[in-house]
Amino acid sequence: MTMNLQAIVLAAGKSKRFKTGRSKLAEKICGREMVLYPINLLSNLAIHTTMVIGYQKELIKEIVTANQKHEIQFVVQEQQHGTGHAILCARDAWQEEHILILNGDMPLLTEEIITALYNKHIKENAAISFVVAHNDDPSGAHYSRVINDGRTIKIVEAEEFNGDLHEHCFVNAGVYIVSKKFLEENIDDIEQNEVKNEFIASDLVKIASRKNLTISSISAPFDCIRGINTMQELWAAEQVKRAELIRHWMSEGVRFASPHRTHLDVDVTIGAGTFIGAGADLFGRTSIGKQCKIEPYTVLENATLESNVTVFSHSIIKNSHISAHAQVGPFAHVHNNSFLDQKAVIGNFVEVTRSSIGKSSKAKHLTYLGDAQVGSDVNIGAGTITCNYNGVAKQKTTIQDNAFIGSNNSLVAPVTIEKNAYTAAGSVITEDVPEGNLGIGRARQINKEGYADKVKGHKPKAAAQTRTQDAQPQTLSFIGAVKTKNEVTN
């Protein structure tokens, strides 16, 4: 439905009660800056928007422009003299027949509330319409109260209200639709509030009532109109939003083992049949496919997981892509645009950064793979690291298909292990290993007979019969880290 409506978003306040030295509108709720929620809502409704900014105006403008495809007009309120003054600052932007006014700290407001308010405003040909919500809880005492004595309607600021919360149980949401004509004729009549020493937008209701003009209102759930002025209110709003997101994904076939211990950002998507364990944190634009298993205390941030991926507990995946049927963890760290192909396995205490791991390749234990290109069906032995940094620049390690890397290897980049090549356990590999070859980069073991007795000052024990240099030549055969039956130990 097309609405003959434009919006003014009030976003100039100093956020004094937040006590952070930073605009509250820049704080994130489920991964999205607070100010973007009402802006996105208005964008979805195709309502042209003017934003009144003041405190930390460059920060707020940067956040909005970086995340909006639709043009937003900005008006600066140089000195903050209240919401009424902020509306006046935007006078030159008043274009449409009806003007929607709302605060920038309303992340839970819905399209349905705006549409219902507009429909009633038009149906009743009202001068001003506004949203109310029921709240007689003392915790809501800081909200302004709607007072209707049958003759006049006015909105009393919390600092001035001394009545019964149960009797006057409706609070003002701070969302108004005002006819442009009424606004032009009455904006200058708003009187300065003696308590706040400001010009308050809600006085427009009192003015309309005094002039016997039509005033309409709708009621909305309190959770949908929550404003945010303190850290406690920020926390409460995020709980509401997170519960809404989790309920949505439950309805899409996702199981949460412990919903109240799961963090879920607004841009996360999850496929049907996926299990999310307790304490999982899902941040940013993470996308999880169908039939995945995310075990407890994992962190996924801007991660893409295809279907049937398993992430074992206490693992971290950031800015990386995990293909179908791959496994990560436990206690693994995959980050910095890494890629795991199908059925790849990254196991216990393995870090992968700026690397690509091929199909069905495995690094299951205590391994660091940095700036590595690993092919398919590669086995990385426990304790292996790519030595990718020379103190100046990062260098690349290439391990081609079907290679076998023995345990406790140091692969000194730049280096290439070609197809079907092997490296022996305990090796420091500094040169390329050709296809089908075995690379050995370690010193030969020497056993010093009687050394312990010599060190401790004991007489040497009778020497056991030993092999001499005249014995048959020894044949050594290495297959990675595994000794064959024919190997002879010196």
Protein backbone atom coordinates (compact mmCIF):
# COMPACT_ATOMS: atom_id res chain seq x y z
CA MET A 1 0.00 0.00 0.00
CA THR A 2 1.31 3.42 -0.96
CA MET A 3 1.13 5.94 1.88
CA ASN A 4 1.01 9.70 1.42
CA LEU A 5 3.57 9.97 4.16
CA GLN A 6 7.10 11.02 4.93
CA ALA A 7 9.11 10.39 8.08
CA ILE A 8 11.24 12.42 10.44
CA VAL A 9 13.54 10.32 12.63
CA LEU A 10 14.82 12.08 15.74
CA ALA A 11 18.44 11.07 16.30
CA ALA A 12 20.23 14.09 17.75
CA GLY A 13 20.24 13.32 21.48
CA LYS A 14 23.38 13.10 23.65
CA SER A 15 22.62 9.68 25.23
CA LYS A 16 23.62 10.96 28.67
CA ARG A 17 22.07 8.05 30.57
CA PHE A 18 24.17 5.55 28.63
CA LYS A 19 27.31 6.96 30.25
CA THR A 20 29.56 5.59 27.51
CA GLY A 21 30.58 8.82 25.82
CA ARG A 22 29.15 7.39 22.62
CA SER A 23 25.77 7.80 20.97
CA LYS A 24 23.41 5.02 22.01
CA LEU A 25 22.21 4.83 18.41
CA ALA A 26 25.56 3.32 17.42
CA GLU A 27 25.18 0.44 19.90
CA LYS A 28 24.33 -2.89 18.30
CA ILE A 29 21.28 -5.03 18.99
CA CYS A 30 21.66 -8.55 17.61
CA GLY A 31 24.49 -7.40 15.39
CA ARG A 32 22.82 -4.33 13.90
CA GLU A 33 23.24 -0.72 15.02
CA MET A 34 20.17 0.50 16.87
CA VAL A 35 19.52 3.39 14.52
CA LEU A 36 19.28 1.06 11.50
CA TYR A 37 16.16 -0.70 12.77
CA PRO A 38 13.72 2.21 12.27
CA ILE A 39 15.57 3.29 9.12
CA ASN A 40 15.20 -0.19 7.57
CA LEU A 41 11.55 -0.32 8.62
CA LEU A 42 10.82 2.95 6.82
CA SER A 43 12.81 1.82 3.79
CA ASN A 44 10.73 -1.37 3.57
CA LEU A 45 7.58 0.77 3.64
CA ALA A 46 9.00 3.04 0.90
CA ILE A 47 8.63 6.11 3.12
CA HIS A 48 10.96 8.98 2.31
CA THR A 49 12.96 9.75 5.45
CA THR A 50 14.62 12.79 6.95
CA MET A 51 16.91 12.21 9.92
CA VAL A 52 17.64 14.93 12.47
CA ILE A 53 21.17 14.42 13.78
CA GLY A 54 23.29 16.36 16.25
CA TYR A 55 25.42 14.59 18.85
CA GLN A 56 28.19 12.62 17.08
CA LYS A 57 26.43 13.43 13.83
CA GLU A 58 29.27 12.21 11.62
CA LEU A 59 29.24 8.78 13.27
CA ILE A 60 25.47 8.40 12.90
CA LYS A 61 25.54 9.63 9.31
CA GLU A 62 28.35 7.20 8.45
CA ILE A 63 26.45 4.23 9.93
CA VAL A 64 23.24 5.06 8.08
CA THR A 65 24.77 5.86 4.69
CA ALA A 66 26.98 2.75 4.76
CA ASN A 67 24.00 0.47 5.29
CA GLN A 68 21.22 2.06 3.24
CA LYS A 69 20.49 1.78 -0.46
CA HIS A 70 17.77 4.43 -0.32
CA GLU A 71 18.65 8.09 0.01
CA ILE A 72 18.30 9.59 3.48
CA GLN A 73 18.09 13.34 3.99
CA PHE A 74 20.04 14.65 6.99
CA VAL A 75 19.22 17.76 9.00
CA VAL A 76 21.51 18.97 11.78
CA GLN A 77 20.17 20.14 15.14
CA GLU A 78 23.20 22.07 16.31
CA GLN A 79 21.89 22.70 19.84
CA GLN A 80 19.67 20.05 21.41
CA HIS A 81 16.57 21.79 22.73
CA GLY A 82 14.19 18.83 22.72
CA THR A 83 12.12 16.81 20.28
CA GLY A 84 9.86 19.72 19.39
CA HIS A 85 12.86 21.81 18.41
CA ALA A 86 14.25 18.88 16.39
CA ILE A 87 11.03 18.72 14.33
CA LEU A 88 11.24 22.45 13.74
CA CYS A 89 14.82 22.06 12.47
CA ALA A 90 13.46 19.79 9.73
CA ARG A 91 10.80 22.32 8.62
CA ASP A 92 12.31 22.76 5.16
CA ALA A 93 11.95 19.00 4.57
CA TRP A 94 8.19 18.88 5.18
CA GLN A 95 6.80 17.88 1.81
CA GLU A 96 4.05 15.26 2.08
CA GLU A 97 0.53 15.81 3.35
CA HIS A 98 1.18 13.71 6.45
CA ILE A 99 4.36 13.42 8.51
CA LEU A 100 5.43 10.46 10.62
CA ILE A 101 7.60 11.36 13.62
CA LEU A 102 9.48 8.75 15.62
CA ASN A 103 12.60 8.36 17.74
CA GLY A 104 15.75 6.70 16.47
CA ASP A 105 16.00 4.40 19.50
CA MET A 106 13.01 2.15 18.68
CA PRO A 107 14.49 -1.10 17.32
CA LEU A 108 11.37 -3.21 17.99
CA LEU A 109 8.82 -1.07 16.17
CA THR A 110 7.02 -2.99 13.41
CA GLU A 111 5.67 -2.22 9.96
CA GLU A 112 2.23 -3.37 11.13
CA ILE A 113 2.10 -0.65 13.82
CA ILE A 114 3.02 2.11 11.36
CA THR A 115 0.48 0.86 8.82
CA ALA A 116 -2.30 0.60 11.42
CA LEU A 117 -1.57 4.09 12.74
CA TYR A 118 -1.63 5.57 9.22
CA ASN A 119 -4.90 3.83 8.33
CA LYS A 120 -6.63 5.13 11.44
CA HIS A 121 -5.19 8.61 10.98
CA ILE A 122 -6.56 8.79 7.43
CA LYS A 123 -9.90 7.17 8.29
CA GLU A 124 -10.59 9.65 11.09
CA ASN A 125 -9.07 12.62 9.24
CA ALA A 126 -7.10 13.35 12.42
CA ALA A 127 -4.89 16.33 13.05
CA ILE A 128 -2.53 14.10 15.01
CA SER A 129 -2.42 10.37 15.76
CA PHE A 130 -0.11 8.55 18.11
CA VAL A 131 0.75 5.12 19.53
CA VAL A 132 0.15 4.10 23.14
CA ALA A 133 1.01 0.93 25.07
CA HIS A 134 -0.22 -0.52 28.35
CA ASN A 135 2.35 -0.44 31.14
CA ASP A 136 1.47 -0.08 34.82
CA ASP A 137 4.70 -1.66 36.03
CA PRO A 138 6.83 0.61 38.23
CA SER A 139 9.80 -0.27 36.01
CA GLY A 140 8.04 1.71 33.30
CA ALA A 141 7.62 4.81 35.44
CA HIS A 142 10.13 6.75 33.33
CA TYR A 143 7.78 6.70 30.33
CA SER A 144 5.50 9.67 29.71
CA ARG A 145 1.83 9.03 30.57
CA VAL A 146 -1.29 9.62 28.49
CA ILE A 147 -3.90 11.51 30.52
CA ASN A 148 -7.46 11.60 29.19
CA ASP A 149 -10.01 13.17 31.55
CA GLY A 150 -12.84 13.01 29.02
CA ARG A 151 -12.46 16.65 28.03
CA THR A 152 -8.79 16.97 27.09
CA ILE A 153 -5.98 14.65 26.17
CA LYS A 154 -2.42 15.41 27.16
CA ILE A 155 0.83 13.60 27.57
CA VAL A 156 2.63 14.15 30.86
CA GLU A 157 6.38 13.64 31.02
CA ALA A 158 7.57 11.12 33.59
CA GLU A 159 9.32 13.80 35.65
CA GLU A 160 6.04 15.68 36.08
CA PHE A 161 3.71 12.72 36.63
CA ASN A 162 2.67 12.04 40.23
CA GLY A 163 -0.53 10.07 39.69
CA ASP A 164 -1.45 6.41 39.99
CA LEU A 165 0.30 4.18 37.43
CA HIS A 166 -2.63 1.74 37.48
CA GLU A 167 -5.15 4.45 36.79
CA HIS A 168 -3.07 6.06 34.07
CA CYS A 169 -1.64 2.87 32.66
CA PHE A 170 -1.04 3.94 29.07
CA VAL A 171 2.36 5.23 28.07
CA ASN A 172 3.26 7.33 25.08
CA ALA A 173 5.35 5.47 22.50
CA GLY A 174 6.73 8.64 20.90
CA VAL A 175 5.37 7.70 17.45
CA TYR A 176 3.14 10.30 15.81
CA ILE A 177 1.50 10.98 12.46
CA VAL A 178 0.70 14.67 12.06
CA SER A 179 -1.02 16.44 9.21
CA LYS A 180 1.37 18.87 7.57
CA LYS A 181 -1.19 21.67 7.82
CA PHE A 182 -1.62 21.18 11.59
CA LEU A 183 2.15 21.02 12.08
CA GLU A 184 2.79 24.20 10.14
CA GLU A 185 0.14 26.08 12.07
CA ASN A 186 1.09 24.90 15.55
CA ILE A 187 4.78 23.95 15.76
CA ASP A 188 5.67 27.43 17.00
CA ASP A 189 3.11 27.19 19.81
CA ILE A 190 4.97 24.46 21.69
CA GLU A 191 5.90 25.90 25.05
CA GLN A 192 9.21 25.29 26.76
CA ASN A 193 8.98 22.48 29.30
CA GLU A 194 9.95 23.91 32.69
CA VAL A 195 11.33 20.63 34.05
CA LYS A 196 13.40 19.59 31.03
CA ASN A 197 14.00 23.11 29.75
CA GLU A 198 13.17 21.76 26.30
CA PHE A 199 10.44 21.91 23.66
CA ILE A 200 8.67 18.53 23.71
CA ALA A 201 6.92 17.07 20.64
CA SER A 202 4.15 15.51 22.74
CA ASP A 203 2.78 19.02 23.41
CA LEU A 204 1.27 18.83 19.93
CA VAL A 205 -1.33 16.45 21.38
CA LYS A 206 -2.25 18.97 24.07
CA ILE A 207 -2.51 21.75 21.48
CA ALA A 208 -4.79 19.65 19.24
CA SER A 209 -6.95 18.76 22.25
CA ARG A 210 -7.22 22.38 23.34
CA LYS A 211 -8.39 23.34 19.85
CA ASN A 212 -10.90 20.46 19.74
CA LEU A 213 -9.20 18.91 16.72
CA THR A 214 -9.47 15.22 15.98
CA ILE A 215 -6.94 13.09 17.83
CA SER A 216 -6.67 9.36 17.21
CA SER A 217 -4.50 6.65 18.73
CA ILE A 218 -3.82 2.96 18.49
CA SER A 219 -2.55 0.55 21.14
CA ALA A 220 0.52 -1.59 20.55
CA PRO A 221 2.32 -4.23 22.65
CA PHE A 222 4.75 -2.56 25.03
CA ASP A 223 7.64 -4.72 23.84
CA CYS A 224 7.25 -3.29 20.33
CA ILE A 225 7.56 0.34 21.40
CA ARG A 226 10.35 0.07 23.94
CA GLY A 227 12.68 3.05 23.90
CA ILE A 228 16.31 2.67 24.95
CA ASN A 229 17.97 5.15 27.27
CA THR A 230 20.12 2.94 29.53
CA MET A 231 22.27 -0.16 29.28
CA GLN A 232 19.56 -2.11 31.11
CA GLU A 233 17.01 -1.11 28.50
CA LEU A 234 19.44 -2.05 25.75
CA TRP A 235 19.83 -5.49 27.31
CA ALA A 236 16.05 -5.91 27.65
CA ALA A 237 15.43 -4.92 24.03
CA GLU A 238 18.06 -7.34 22.79
CA GLN A 239 16.47 -10.17 24.75
CA VAL A 240 13.16 -9.43 23.08
CA LYS A 241 14.70 -9.26 19.61
CA ARG A 242 16.76 -12.41 20.10
CA ALA A 243 13.73 -14.35 21.32
CA GLU A 244 11.84 -13.19 18.24
CA LEU A 245 14.64 -14.43 15.95
CA ILE A 246 14.93 -17.79 17.70
CA ARG A 247 11.17 -18.34 17.55
CA HIS A 248 11.31 -17.63 13.82
CA TRP A 249 14.04 -20.19 13.17
CA MET A 250 12.31 -22.75 15.38
CA SER A 251 9.25 -22.37 13.15
CA GLU A 252 11.55 -23.11 10.19
CA GLY A 253 12.69 -26.43 11.66
CA VAL A 254 15.81 -25.46 13.61
CA ARG A 255 16.39 -26.97 17.04
CA PHE A 256 18.06 -24.95 19.80
CA ALA A 257 19.32 -27.03 22.73
CA SER A 258 19.25 -24.04 25.08
CA PRO A 259 17.67 -20.97 23.42
CA HIS A 260 18.30 -18.63 26.35
CA ARG A 261 22.04 -19.35 26.10
CA THR A 262 22.31 -18.78 22.34
CA HIS A 263 23.35 -15.47 20.80
CA LEU A 264 21.81 -14.93 17.37
CA ASP A 265 22.31 -11.89 15.14
CA VAL A 266 19.56 -10.55 12.92
CA ASP A 267 21.29 -11.38 9.61
CA VAL A 268 22.02 -15.03 10.47
CA THR A 269 20.24 -17.67 8.39
CA ILE A 270 19.83 -21.34 9.38
CA GLY A 271 18.63 -24.31 7.34
CA ALA A 272 15.96 -26.80 8.38
CA GLY A 273 17.02 -29.76 10.48
CA THR A 274 20.05 -27.99 11.96
CA PHE A 275 20.91 -28.37 15.64
CA ILE A 276 22.34 -25.44 17.61
CA GLY A 277 24.02 -26.41 20.88
CA ALA A 278 23.99 -24.47 24.15
CA GLY A 279 26.18 -21.39 24.33
CA ALA A 280 26.66 -21.08 20.56
CA ASP A 281 27.28 -17.52 19.33
CA LEU A 282 26.14 -16.81 15.77
CA PHE A 283 27.32 -13.40 14.59
CA GLY A 284 27.11 -11.19 11.53
CA ARG A 285 26.01 -12.63 8.19
CA THR A 286 26.57 -16.26 9.13
CA SER A 287 24.74 -18.71 6.88
CA ILE A 288 24.19 -22.29 8.07
CA GLY A 289 22.82 -24.92 5.70
CA LYS A 290 20.43 -27.78 6.31
CA GLN A 291 21.04 -30.71 8.67
CA CYS A 292 24.12 -29.16 10.29
CA LYS A 293 25.22 -29.83 13.84
CA ILE A 294 26.68 -26.93 15.81
CA GLU A 295 27.92 -28.20 19.15
CA PRO A 296 28.07 -26.13 22.38
CA TYR A 297 30.21 -23.01 22.84
CA THR A 298 31.12 -22.52 19.21
CA VAL A 299 31.51 -19.08 17.60
CA LEU A 300 30.49 -18.50 13.99
CA GLU A 301 31.02 -15.01 12.58
CA ASN A 302 30.33 -14.17 8.93
CA ALA A 303 30.78 -17.88 8.25
CA THR A 304 29.16 -19.89 5.48
CA LEU A 305 28.39 -23.52 6.24
CA GLU A 306 26.88 -25.72 3.56
CA SER A 307 24.55 -28.58 4.46
CA ASN A 308 25.51 -31.49 6.74
CA VAL A 309 28.48 -29.71 8.30
CA THR A 310 29.49 -30.65 11.85
CA VAL A 311 31.20 -28.12 14.10
CA PHE A 312 32.37 -29.71 17.34
CA SER A 313 32.43 -27.81 20.63
CA HIS A 314 34.57 -24.76 21.44
CA SER A 315 35.46 -24.05 17.81
CA ILE A 316 35.67 -20.67 16.07
CA ILE A 317 34.91 -20.06 12.39
CA LYS A 318 35.19 -16.50 11.06
CA ASN A 319 34.91 -15.12 7.54
CA SER A 320 35.35 -18.58 6.03
CA HIS A 321 33.48 -21.14 3.91
CA ILE A 322 32.88 -24.73 5.04
CA SER A 323 31.60 -27.09 2.36
CA ALA A 324 29.09 -29.92 2.73
CA HIS A 325 29.88 -32.86 5.05
CA ALA A 326 33.05 -31.21 6.39
CA GLN A 327 33.97 -31.39 10.08
CA VAL A 328 35.60 -28.77 12.30
CA GLY A 329 36.80 -29.13 15.88
CA PRO A 330 36.69 -29.52 18.75
CA PHE A 331 38.82 -26.51 19.77
CA ALA A 332 39.59 -25.58 16.17
CA HIS A 333 40.01 -22.10 14.67
CA VAL A 334 39.23 -21.46 10.99
CA HIS A 335 39.43 -17.83 9.92
CA ASN A 336 40.62 -15.14 7.49
CA ASN A 337 38.83 -16.27 4.32
CA SER A 338 39.76 -19.92 4.59
CA PHE A 339 37.96 -22.58 2.55
CA LEU A 340 37.23 -26.21 3.43
CA ASP A 341 36.08 -28.41 0.56
CA GLN A 342 33.61 -31.27 0.94
CA LYS A 343 34.36 -33.88 3.62
CA ALA A 344 37.47 -32.07 4.81
CA VAL A 345 38.31 -32.63 8.48
CA ILE A 346 39.92 -30.00 10.72
CA GLY A 347 40.30 -31.51 14.16
CA ASN A 348 41.49 -30.92 17.71
CA PHE A 349 43.49 -27.72 18.29
CA VAL A 350 44.02 -27.01 14.59
CA GLU A 351 44.22 -23.47 13.23
CA VAL A 352 43.56 -22.68 9.57
CA THR A 353 44.07 -19.15 8.29
CA ARG A 354 44.10 -17.77 4.73
CA SER A 355 44.16 -21.36 3.50
CA SER A 356 42.25 -23.74 1.25
CA ILE A 357 41.78 -27.37 2.30
CA GLY A 358 40.82 -29.80 -0.47
CA LYS A 359 38.15 -32.48 -0.61
CA SER A 360 38.50 -35.28 1.98
CA SER A 361 41.78 -33.88 3.30
CA LYS A 362 42.45 -34.21 7.03
CA ALA A 363 44.38 -32.28 9.66
CA LYS A 364 43.13 -33.88 12.84
CA HIS A 365 45.53 -32.87 15.61
CA LEU A 366 47.61 -29.93 16.84
CA THR A 367 48.33 -28.30 13.49
CA TYR A 368 48.81 -24.79 12.08
CA LEU A 369 48.02 -24.21 8.41
CA GLY A 370 48.64 -20.62 7.38
CA ASP A 371 48.73 -19.40 3.76
CA ALA A 372 48.47 -23.00 2.62
CA GLN A 373 46.94 -24.52 -0.52
CA VAL A 374 46.11 -28.13 0.33
CA GLY A 375 44.80 -30.49 -2.34
CA SER A 376 42.41 -33.43 -2.09
CA ASP A 377 42.90 -36.57 0.02
CA VAL A 378 45.88 -35.13 1.86
CA ASN A 379 46.79 -36.33 5.34
CA ILE A 380 48.44 -33.79 7.66
CA GLY A 381 50.20 -35.46 10.58
CA ALA A 382 49.84 -34.28 14.17
CA GLY A 383 52.02 -31.37 15.21
CA THR A 384 52.63 -30.09 11.68
CA ILE A 385 52.98 -26.38 11.01
CA THR A 386 53.47 -24.24 7.94
CA CYS A 387 56.28 -21.77 8.66
CA ASN A 388 54.69 -19.04 6.57
CA TYR A 389 56.21 -15.84 8.00
CA ASN A 390 59.85 -14.81 7.52
CA GLY A 391 59.57 -11.65 9.59
CA VAL A 392 58.80 -9.51 6.56
CA ALA A 393 56.15 -11.20 4.44
CA LYS A 394 53.84 -14.22 4.44
CA GLN A 395 54.86 -17.08 2.12
CA LYS A 396 52.76 -19.84 0.59
CA THR A 397 52.85 -23.59 1.18
CA THR A 398 51.39 -25.89 -1.49
CA ILE A 399 50.51 -29.50 -0.72
CA GLN A 400 49.15 -31.31 -3.75
CA ASP A 401 46.65 -34.17 -4.03
CA ASN A 402 47.23 -37.42 -2.11
CA ALA A 403 50.31 -36.16 -0.31
CA PHE A 404 51.12 -37.58 3.13
CA ILE A 405 52.67 -35.23 5.69
CA GLY A 406 54.30 -37.02 8.62
CA SER A 407 53.82 -35.96 12.22
CA ASN A 408 55.70 -33.03 13.73
CA ASN A 409 56.72 -31.50 10.41
CA SER A 410 57.79 -27.90 9.86
CA LEU A 411 57.09 -26.90 6.26
CA VAL A 412 59.20 -23.81 5.61
CA ALA A 413 57.45 -21.67 3.01
CA PRO A 414 57.63 -21.11 0.16
CA VAL A 415 57.60 -24.84 -0.47
CA THR A 416 55.63 -27.38 -2.52
CA ILE A 417 54.86 -31.00 -1.68
CA GLU A 418 53.81 -32.52 -4.98
CA LYS A 419 51.22 -35.20 -5.70
CA ASN A 420 51.58 -38.55 -3.90
CA ALA A 421 54.71 -37.33 -2.10
CA TYR A 422 55.56 -38.23 1.51
CA THR A 423 57.43 -36.43 4.26
CA ALA A 424 59.02 -38.28 7.18
CA ALA A 425 57.99 -37.63 10.78
CA GLY A 426 59.97 -34.94 12.57
CA SER A 427 61.18 -33.33 9.36
CA VAL A 428 61.96 -29.71 8.61
CA ILE A 429 61.12 -29.43 4.93
CA THR A 430 62.84 -26.49 3.26
CA GLU A 431 62.86 -27.69 -0.36
CA ASP A 432 60.18 -28.93 -2.71
CA VAL A 433 59.38 -32.65 -2.56
CA PRO A 434 58.82 -34.03 -6.10
CA GLU A 435 55.84 -36.22 -7.00
CA GLY A 436 56.03 -39.69 -5.44
CA ASN A 437 59.19 -38.90 -3.44
CA LEU A 438 59.84 -39.13 0.29
CA GLY A 439 61.20 -35.97 1.87
CA ILE A 440 63.37 -36.44 4.99
CA GLY A 441 64.66 -33.38 6.77
CA ARG A 442 66.04 -34.57 10.10
CA ALA A 443 69.33 -35.65 11.74
CA ARG A 444 70.12 -39.36 12.09
CA GLN A 445 69.68 -40.68 15.63
CA ILE A 446 72.83 -41.72 17.50
CA ASN A 447 72.70 -43.68 20.78
CA LYS A 448 75.72 -43.12 23.11
CA GLU A 449 76.31 -46.35 24.98
CA GLY A 450 76.86 -46.03 28.73
CA TYR A 451 76.23 -42.29 28.70
CA ALA A 452 73.93 -42.27 31.75
CA ASP A 453 76.43 -44.11 33.95
CA LYS A 454 79.22 -41.79 32.83
CA VAL A 455 77.23 -38.68 33.71
CA LYS A 456 76.23 -40.07 37.10
CA GLY A 457 79.76 -41.28 37.94
CA HIS A 458 78.84 -44.98 37.99
CA LYS A 459 80.99 -47.75 36.64
CA PRO A 460 79.77 -48.81 33.23
CA LYS A 461 77.77 -52.00 33.11
CA ALA A 462 78.98 -54.95 31.08
CA ALA A 463 78.55 -53.98 27.46
CA ALA A 464 75.86 -55.83 25.68
CA GLN A 465 76.69 -57.53 22.45
CA THR A 466 76.49 -54.87 19.75
CA ARG A 467 76.51 -54.79 16.02
CA THR A 468 79.86 -53.88 14.54
CA GLN A 469 80.86 -52.02 11.42
CA ASP A 470 81.61 -55.42 9.86
CA ALA A 471 77.95 -56.44 10.07
CA GLN A 472 75.81 -56.65 6.99
CA PRO A 473 74.87 -53.24 5.47
CA GLN A 474 71.75 -51.78 6.99
CA THR A 475 68.68 -51.10 4.86
CA LEU A 476 66.49 -48.14 5.85
CA SER A 477 62.93 -47.78 4.64
CA PHE A 478 60.77 -44.84 5.64
CA ILE A 479 57.08 -44.56 4.88
CA GLY A 480 56.12 -41.19 6.35
CA ALA A 481 56.20 -41.52 10.10
CA VAL A 482 55.75 -45.33 10.12
CA LYS A 483 58.59 -47.85 10.46
CA THR A 484 58.35 -51.06 8.41
CA LYS A 485 59.18 -54.52 9.74
CA ASN A 486 62.48 -54.47 7.83
CA GLU A 487 63.76 -51.32 9.49
CA VAL A 488 66.81 -51.69 11.73
CA THR A 489 67.31 -49.41 14.68
CA ASN A 490 70.86 -48.25 15.52
